[in-house]
Amino acid sequence: MKLEIRIVSVHGISPDKSGIKEFSDNISVADLIILLELPHEDVYAVMVNDLPVPPDERLNRVLVENDKITVFPPIQGG
């Protein structure tokens, strides 16, 4: 299935992992984070079709063809 991926960094959208990508069916948001080789020990803000997916729902939120996923890095600093 095709998914539109946007990985956002402090420098804008990361072009190397962003774009329309092909994945197998029945993957969850949590699976996608692993497949994109993002450091999943960090907490990211994730949106699917512009709706937030809380961390405790990422294992159960299955993606479907043409979903648009935006992943934001953790906010750091103080």
PDB file of N, CA and C in Angstrom:
ATOM      1  N   MET A   1       0.843  -1.178   0.000  1.00  0.00           N
ATOM      2  CA  MET A   1       0.000   0.000   0.000  1.00  0.00           C
ATOM      3  C   MET A   1       0.882   1.232   0.000  1.00  0.00           C
ATOM      4  N   LYS A   2       0.356   2.307  -0.542  1.00  0.00           N
ATOM      5  CA  LYS A   2       1.106   3.561  -0.603  1.00  0.00           C
ATOM      6  C   LYS A   2       0.662   4.474   0.527  1.00  0.00           C
ATOM      7  N   LEU A   3       1.668   5.067   1.191  1.00  0.00           N
ATOM      8  CA  LEU A   3       1.429   6.030   2.259  1.00  0.00           C
ATOM      9  C   LEU A   3       2.219   7.288   1.949  1.00  0.00           C
ATOM     10  N   GLU A   4       1.656   8.426   2.293  1.00  0.00           N
ATOM     11  CA  GLU A   4       2.397   9.684   2.166  1.00  0.00           C
ATOM     12  C   GLU A   4       3.021  10.002   3.510  1.00  0.00           C
ATOM     13  N   ILE A   5       4.342  10.043   3.540  1.00  0.00           N
ATOM     14  CA  ILE A   5       5.095  10.236   4.777  1.00  0.00           C
ATOM     15  C   ILE A   5       5.726  11.619   4.776  1.00  0.00           C
ATOM     16  N   ARG A   6       5.580  12.315   5.899  1.00  0.00           N
ATOM     17  CA  ARG A   6       6.280  13.597   6.104  1.00  0.00           C
ATOM     18  C   ARG A   6       6.996  13.508   7.450  1.00  0.00           C
ATOM     19  N   ILE A   7       8.318  13.563   7.406  1.00  0.00           N
ATOM     20  CA  ILE A   7       9.119  13.582   8.625  1.00  0.00           C
ATOM     21  C   ILE A   7       9.583  15.022   8.803  1.00  0.00           C
ATOM     22  N   VAL A   8       9.121  15.658   9.853  1.00  0.00           N
ATOM     23  CA  VAL A   8       9.412  17.067  10.095  1.00  0.00           C
ATOM     24  C   VAL A   8      10.570  17.164  11.086  1.00  0.00           C
ATOM     25  N   SER A   9      11.515  18.035  10.789  1.00  0.00           N
ATOM     26  CA  SER A   9      12.622  18.301  11.708  1.00  0.00           C
ATOM     27  C   SER A   9      12.684  19.798  11.957  1.00  0.00           C
ATOM     28  N   VAL A  10      13.622  20.211  12.773  1.00  0.00           N
ATOM     29  CA  VAL A  10      13.770  21.643  13.034  1.00  0.00           C
ATOM     30  C   VAL A  10      14.180  22.396  11.767  1.00  0.00           C
ATOM     31  N   HIS A  11      14.639  21.660  10.762  1.00  0.00           N
ATOM     32  CA  HIS A  11      15.081  22.272   9.514  1.00  0.00           C
ATOM     33  C   HIS A  11      14.031  22.146   8.416  1.00  0.00           C
ATOM     34  N   GLY A  12      12.826  21.700   8.744  1.00  0.00           N
ATOM     35  CA  GLY A  12      11.777  21.517   7.743  1.00  0.00           C
ATOM     36  C   GLY A  12      11.470  20.043   7.554  1.00  0.00           C
ATOM     37  N   ILE A  13      10.970  19.696   6.390  1.00  0.00           N
ATOM     38  CA  ILE A  13      10.624  18.302   6.104  1.00  0.00           C
ATOM     39  C   ILE A  13      11.875  17.569   5.633  1.00  0.00           C
ATOM     40  N   SER A  14      12.149  16.436   6.258  1.00  0.00           N
ATOM     41  CA  SER A  14      13.313  15.626   5.929  1.00  0.00           C
ATOM     42  C   SER A  14      13.063  14.885   4.613  1.00  0.00           C
ATOM     43  N   PRO A  15      13.778  15.235   3.544  1.00  0.00           N
ATOM     44  CA  PRO A  15      13.482  14.648   2.235  1.00  0.00           C
ATOM     45  C   PRO A  15      13.876  13.178   2.094  1.00  0.00           C
ATOM     46  N   ASP A  16      14.837  12.692   2.877  1.00  0.00           N
ATOM     47  CA  ASP A  16      15.309  11.325   2.685  1.00  0.00           C
ATOM     48  C   ASP A  16      14.290  10.268   3.103  1.00  0.00           C
ATOM     49  N   LYS A  17      13.429  10.547   4.061  1.00  0.00           N
ATOM     50  CA  LYS A  17      12.439   9.575   4.503  1.00  0.00           C
ATOM     51  C   LYS A  17      11.013  10.025   4.211  1.00  0.00           C
ATOM     52  N   SER A  18      10.866  11.178   3.618  1.00  0.00           N
ATOM     53  CA  SER A  18       9.543  11.705   3.306  1.00  0.00           C
ATOM     54  C   SER A  18       9.173  11.399   1.865  1.00  0.00           C
ATOM     55  N   GLY A  19       7.874  11.472   1.583  1.00  0.00           N
ATOM     56  CA  GLY A  19       7.375  11.232   0.237  1.00  0.00           C
ATOM     57  C   GLY A  19       6.374  10.100   0.233  1.00  0.00           C
ATOM     58  N   ILE A  20       5.956   9.706  -0.949  1.00  0.00           N
ATOM     59  CA  ILE A  20       5.031   8.582  -1.071  1.00  0.00           C
ATOM     60  C   ILE A  20       5.862   7.308  -1.094  1.00  0.00           C
ATOM     61  N   LYS A  21       5.582   6.436  -0.141  1.00  0.00           N
ATOM     62  CA  LYS A  21       6.359   5.206   0.035  1.00  0.00           C
ATOM     63  C   LYS A  21       5.417   4.007  -0.001  1.00  0.00           C
ATOM     64  N   GLU A  22       5.973   2.879  -0.398  1.00  0.00           N
ATOM     65  CA  GLU A  22       5.223   1.630  -0.480  1.00  0.00           C
ATOM     66  C   GLU A  22       5.523   0.777   0.757  1.00  0.00           C
ATOM     67  N   PHE A  23       4.456   0.263   1.383  1.00  0.00           N
ATOM     68  CA  PHE A  23       4.576  -0.592   2.562  1.00  0.00           C
ATOM     69  C   PHE A  23       3.626  -1.765   2.422  1.00  0.00           C
ATOM     70  N   SER A  24       3.886  -2.806   3.197  1.00  0.00           N
ATOM     71  CA  SER A  24       2.954  -3.934   3.207  1.00  0.00           C
ATOM     72  C   SER A  24       1.668  -3.522   3.919  1.00  0.00           C
ATOM     73  N   ASP A  25       0.606  -4.269   3.684  1.00  0.00           N
ATOM     74  CA  ASP A  25      -0.687  -3.984   4.312  1.00  0.00           C
ATOM     75  C   ASP A  25      -0.639  -4.317   5.806  1.00  0.00           C
ATOM     76  N   ASN A  26      -1.593  -3.767   6.512  1.00  0.00           N
ATOM     77  CA  ASN A  26      -1.820  -4.082   7.930  1.00  0.00           C
ATOM     78  C   ASN A  26      -0.656  -3.709   8.843  1.00  0.00           C
ATOM     79  N   ILE A  27      -0.011  -2.565   8.583  1.00  0.00           N
ATOM     80  CA  ILE A  27       1.002  -2.102   9.525  1.00  0.00           C
ATOM     81  C   ILE A  27       0.390  -1.015  10.398  1.00  0.00           C
ATOM     82  N   SER A  28       0.874  -0.966  11.612  1.00  0.00           N
ATOM     83  CA  SER A  28       0.398   0.036  12.559  1.00  0.00           C
ATOM     84  C   SER A  28       1.305   1.258  12.507  1.00  0.00           C
ATOM     85  N   VAL A  29       0.890   2.300  13.188  1.00  0.00           N
ATOM     86  CA  VAL A  29       1.732   3.496  13.312  1.00  0.00           C
ATOM     87  C   VAL A  29       3.042   3.121  14.003  1.00  0.00           C
ATOM     88  N   ALA A  30       2.975   2.281  15.030  1.00  0.00           N
ATOM     89  CA  ALA A  30       4.186   1.847  15.732  1.00  0.00           C
ATOM     90  C   ALA A  30       5.121   1.087  14.788  1.00  0.00           C
ATOM     91  N   ASP A  31       4.542   0.210  13.938  1.00  0.00           N
ATOM     92  CA  ASP A  31       5.347  -0.522  12.946  1.00  0.00           C
ATOM     93  C   ASP A  31       6.031   0.449  11.990  1.00  0.00           C
ATOM     94  N   LEU A  32       5.300   1.454  11.556  1.00  0.00           N
ATOM     95  CA  LEU A  32       5.847   2.419  10.608  1.00  0.00           C
ATOM     96  C   LEU A  32       7.052   3.148  11.188  1.00  0.00           C
ATOM     97  N   ILE A  33       6.970   3.550  12.447  1.00  0.00           N
ATOM     98  CA  ILE A  33       8.090   4.244  13.090  1.00  0.00           C
ATOM     99  C   ILE A  33       9.335   3.360  13.068  1.00  0.00           C
ATOM    100  N   ILE A  34       9.152   2.068  13.301  1.00  0.00           N
ATOM    101  CA  ILE A  34      10.282   1.129  13.266  1.00  0.00           C
ATOM    102  C   ILE A  34      10.795   0.970  11.837  1.00  0.00           C
ATOM    103  N   LEU A  35       9.888   0.800  10.876  1.00  0.00           N
ATOM    104  CA  LEU A  35      10.293   0.619   9.478  1.00  0.00           C
ATOM    105  C   LEU A  35      11.033   1.834   8.923  1.00  0.00           C
ATOM    106  N   LEU A  36      10.686   3.016   9.403  1.00  0.00           N
ATOM    107  CA  LEU A  36      11.374   4.235   8.964  1.00  0.00           C
ATOM    108  C   LEU A  36      12.696   4.444   9.693  1.00  0.00           C
ATOM    109  N   GLU A  37      13.007   3.517  10.612  1.00  0.00           N
ATOM    110  CA  GLU A  37      14.247   3.560  11.390  1.00  0.00           C
ATOM    111  C   GLU A  37      14.380   4.852  12.188  1.00  0.00           C
ATOM    112  N   LEU A  38      13.252   5.278  12.748  1.00  0.00           N
ATOM    113  CA  LEU A  38      13.269   6.435  13.643  1.00  0.00           C
ATOM    114  C   LEU A  38      13.534   5.930  15.052  1.00  0.00           C
ATOM    115  N   PRO A  39      14.274   6.682  15.846  1.00  0.00           N
ATOM    116  CA  PRO A  39      14.548   6.238  17.220  1.00  0.00           C
ATOM    117  C   PRO A  39      13.257   6.202  18.039  1.00  0.00           C
ATOM    118  N   HIS A  40      12.620   5.020  18.086  1.00  0.00           N
ATOM    119  CA  HIS A  40      11.308   4.910  18.710  1.00  0.00           C
ATOM    120  C   HIS A  40      11.330   5.033  20.226  1.00  0.00           C
ATOM    121  N   GLU A  41      12.519   5.066  20.814  1.00  0.00           N
ATOM    122  CA  GLU A  41      12.563   5.290  22.262  1.00  0.00           C
ATOM    123  C   GLU A  41      12.243   6.743  22.604  1.00  0.00           C
ATOM    124  N   ASP A  42      12.369   7.626  21.608  1.00  0.00           N
ATOM    125  CA  ASP A  42      11.939   9.008  21.785  1.00  0.00           C
ATOM    126  C   ASP A  42      10.443   9.088  21.506  1.00  0.00           C
ATOM    127  N   VAL A  43       9.785  10.027  22.120  1.00  0.00           N
ATOM    128  CA  VAL A  43       8.355  10.206  21.868  1.00  0.00           C
ATOM    129  C   VAL A  43       8.193  11.228  20.754  1.00  0.00           C
ATOM    130  N   TYR A  44       7.508  10.833  19.708  1.00  0.00           N
ATOM    131  CA  TYR A  44       7.220  11.709  18.591  1.00  0.00           C
ATOM    132  C   TYR A  44       5.757  12.082  18.620  1.00  0.00           C
ATOM    133  N   ALA A  45       5.448  13.238  18.086  1.00  0.00           N
ATOM    134  CA  ALA A  45       4.056  13.573  17.802  1.00  0.00           C
ATOM    135  C   ALA A  45       3.771  12.986  16.428  1.00  0.00           C
ATOM    136  N   VAL A  46       2.724  12.189  16.328  1.00  0.00           N
ATOM    137  CA  VAL A  46       2.373  11.546  15.067  1.00  0.00           C
ATOM    138  C   VAL A  46       0.946  11.930  14.714  1.00  0.00           C
ATOM    139  N   MET A  47       0.764  12.291  13.447  1.00  0.00           N
ATOM    140  CA  MET A  47      -0.576  12.604  12.953  1.00  0.00           C
ATOM    141  C   MET A  47      -0.857  11.718  11.745  1.00  0.00           C
ATOM    142  N   VAL A  48      -2.079  11.205  11.674  1.00  0.00           N
ATOM    143  CA  VAL A  48      -2.532  10.451  10.514  1.00  0.00           C
ATOM    144  C   VAL A  48      -3.727  11.208   9.947  1.00  0.00           C
ATOM    145  N   ASN A  49      -3.581  11.623   8.704  1.00  0.00           N
ATOM    146  CA  ASN A  49      -4.613  12.424   8.048  1.00  0.00           C
ATOM    147  C   ASN A  49      -4.975  13.653   8.882  1.00  0.00           C
ATOM    148  N   ASP A  50      -3.938  14.293   9.423  1.00  0.00           N
ATOM    149  CA  ASP A  50      -4.036  15.520  10.212  1.00  0.00           C
ATOM    150  C   ASP A  50      -4.722  15.351  11.563  1.00  0.00           C
ATOM    151  N   LEU A  51      -4.860  14.127  12.023  1.00  0.00           N
ATOM    152  CA  LEU A  51      -5.414  13.861  13.354  1.00  0.00           C
ATOM    153  C   LEU A  51      -4.341  13.217  14.214  1.00  0.00           C
ATOM    154  N   PRO A  52      -4.152  13.695  15.455  1.00  0.00           N
ATOM    155  CA  PRO A  52      -3.103  13.134  16.305  1.00  0.00           C
ATOM    156  C   PRO A  52      -3.392  11.678  16.691  1.00  0.00           C
ATOM    157  N   VAL A  53      -2.306  10.913  16.803  1.00  0.00           N
ATOM    158  CA  VAL A  53      -2.392   9.530  17.273  1.00  0.00           C
ATOM    159  C   VAL A  53      -1.562   9.465  18.567  1.00  0.00           C
ATOM    160  N   PRO A  54      -2.221   9.400  19.721  1.00  0.00           N
ATOM    161  CA  PRO A  54      -1.495   9.349  20.990  1.00  0.00           C
ATOM    162  C   PRO A  54      -0.616   8.100  21.079  1.00  0.00           C
ATOM    163  N   PRO A  55       0.473   8.178  21.844  1.00  0.00           N
ATOM    164  CA  PRO A  55       1.386   7.034  21.957  1.00  0.00           C
ATOM    165  C   PRO A  55       0.700   5.726  22.336  1.00  0.00           C
ATOM    166  N   ASP A  56      -0.295   5.768  23.205  1.00  0.00           N
ATOM    167  CA  ASP A  56      -0.932   4.525  23.643  1.00  0.00           C
ATOM    168  C   ASP A  56      -1.880   3.933  22.594  1.00  0.00           C
ATOM    169  N   GLU A  57      -2.085   4.621  21.462  1.00  0.00           N
ATOM    170  CA  GLU A  57      -2.938   4.102  20.390  1.00  0.00           C
ATOM    171  C   GLU A  57      -2.151   3.675  19.157  1.00  0.00           C
ATOM    172  N   ARG A  58      -0.831   3.862  19.166  1.00  0.00           N
ATOM    173  CA  ARG A  58      -0.023   3.621  17.968  1.00  0.00           C
ATOM    174  C   ARG A  58       0.090   2.151  17.585  1.00  0.00           C
ATOM    175  N   LEU A  59       0.045   1.248  18.549  1.00  0.00           N
ATOM    176  CA  LEU A  59       0.094  -0.181  18.230  1.00  0.00           C
ATOM    177  C   LEU A  59      -1.185  -0.644  17.553  1.00  0.00           C
ATOM    178  N   ASN A  60      -2.305  -0.057  17.913  1.00  0.00           N
ATOM    179  CA  ASN A  60      -3.600  -0.496  17.399  1.00  0.00           C
ATOM    180  C   ASN A  60      -4.099   0.300  16.207  1.00  0.00           C
ATOM    181  N   ARG A  61      -3.467   1.415  15.894  1.00  0.00           N
ATOM    182  CA  ARG A  61      -3.915   2.250  14.767  1.00  0.00           C
ATOM    183  C   ARG A  61      -3.307   1.700  13.487  1.00  0.00           C
ATOM    184  N   VAL A  62      -4.097   0.933  12.730  1.00  0.00           N
ATOM    185  CA  VAL A  62      -3.631   0.321  11.489  1.00  0.00           C
ATOM    186  C   VAL A  62      -3.804   1.325  10.353  1.00  0.00           C
ATOM    187  N   LEU A  63      -2.776   1.419   9.530  1.00  0.00           N
ATOM    188  CA  LEU A  63      -2.773   2.359   8.419  1.00  0.00           C
ATOM    189  C   LEU A  63      -3.420   1.729   7.191  1.00  0.00           C
ATOM    190  N   VAL A  64      -4.021   2.573   6.355  1.00  0.00           N
ATOM    191  CA  VAL A  64      -4.656   2.103   5.131  1.00  0.00           C
ATOM    192  C   VAL A  64      -4.116   2.894   3.936  1.00  0.00           C
ATOM    193  N   GLU A  65      -4.345   2.355   2.758  1.00  0.00           N
ATOM    194  CA  GLU A  65      -3.888   2.965   1.512  1.00  0.00           C
ATOM    195  C   GLU A  65      -4.169   4.467   1.489  1.00  0.00           C
ATOM    196  N   ASN A  66      -3.150   5.230   1.102  1.00  0.00           N
ATOM    197  CA  ASN A  66      -3.211   6.682   0.917  1.00  0.00           C
ATOM    198  C   ASN A  66      -3.323   7.489   2.211  1.00  0.00           C
ATOM    199  N   ASP A  67      -3.115   6.865   3.365  1.00  0.00           N
ATOM    200  CA  ASP A  67      -3.041   7.657   4.594  1.00  0.00           C
ATOM    201  C   ASP A  67      -1.878   8.635   4.486  1.00  0.00           C
ATOM    202  N   LYS A  68      -2.031   9.777   5.122  1.00  0.00           N
ATOM    203  CA  LYS A  68      -0.975  10.792   5.182  1.00  0.00           C
ATOM    204  C   LYS A  68      -0.473  10.844   6.614  1.00  0.00           C
ATOM    205  N   ILE A  69       0.792  10.504   6.802  1.00  0.00           N
ATOM    206  CA  ILE A  69       1.374  10.420   8.142  1.00  0.00           C
ATOM    207  C   ILE A  69       2.427  11.512   8.280  1.00  0.00           C
ATOM    208  N   THR A  70       2.324  12.288   9.340  1.00  0.00           N
ATOM    209  CA  THR A  70       3.308  13.312   9.664  1.00  0.00           C
ATOM    210  C   THR A  70       3.909  12.959  11.008  1.00  0.00           C
ATOM    211  N   VAL A  71       5.250  12.916  11.066  1.00  0.00           N
ATOM    212  CA  VAL A  71       5.965  12.576  12.291  1.00  0.00           C
ATOM    213  C   VAL A  71       6.835  13.763  12.683  1.00  0.00           C
ATOM    214  N   PHE A  72       6.659  14.208  13.907  1.00  0.00           N
ATOM    215  CA  PHE A  72       7.441  15.331  14.432  1.00  0.00           C
ATOM    216  C   PHE A  72       8.446  14.812  15.448  1.00  0.00           C
ATOM    217  N   PRO A  73       9.635  15.410  15.497  1.00  0.00           N
ATOM    218  CA  PRO A  73      10.629  14.999  16.492  1.00  0.00           C
ATOM    219  C   PRO A  73      10.207  15.475  17.873  1.00  0.00           C
ATOM    220  N   PRO A  74      10.793  14.870  18.902  1.00  0.00           N
ATOM    221  CA  PRO A  74      10.482  15.349  20.258  1.00  0.00           C
ATOM    222  C   PRO A  74      10.980  16.770  20.430  1.00  0.00           C
ATOM    223  N   ILE A  75      10.255  17.532  21.212  1.00  0.00           N
ATOM    224  CA  ILE A  75      10.656  18.902  21.512  1.00  0.00           C
ATOM    225  C   ILE A  75      11.643  18.854  22.667  1.00  0.00           C
ATOM    226  N   GLN A  76      12.783  19.479  22.476  1.00  0.00           N
ATOM    227  CA  GLN A  76      13.820  19.475  23.492  1.00  0.00           C
ATOM    228  C   GLN A  76      14.204  20.898  23.834  1.00  0.00           C
ATOM    229  N   GLY A  77      14.799  21.041  24.941  1.00  0.00           N
ATOM    230  CA  GLY A  77      15.279  22.362  25.354  1.00  0.00           C
ATOM    231  C   GLY A  77      14.642  22.792  26.657  1.00  0.00           C
ATOM    232  N   GLY A  78      14.840  24.014  26.995  1.00  0.00           N
ATOM    233  CA  GLY A  78      14.253  24.453  28.243  1.00  0.00           C
ATOM    234  C   GLY A  78      14.531  25.895  28.502  1.00  0.00           C
TER     235      GLY A  78
END
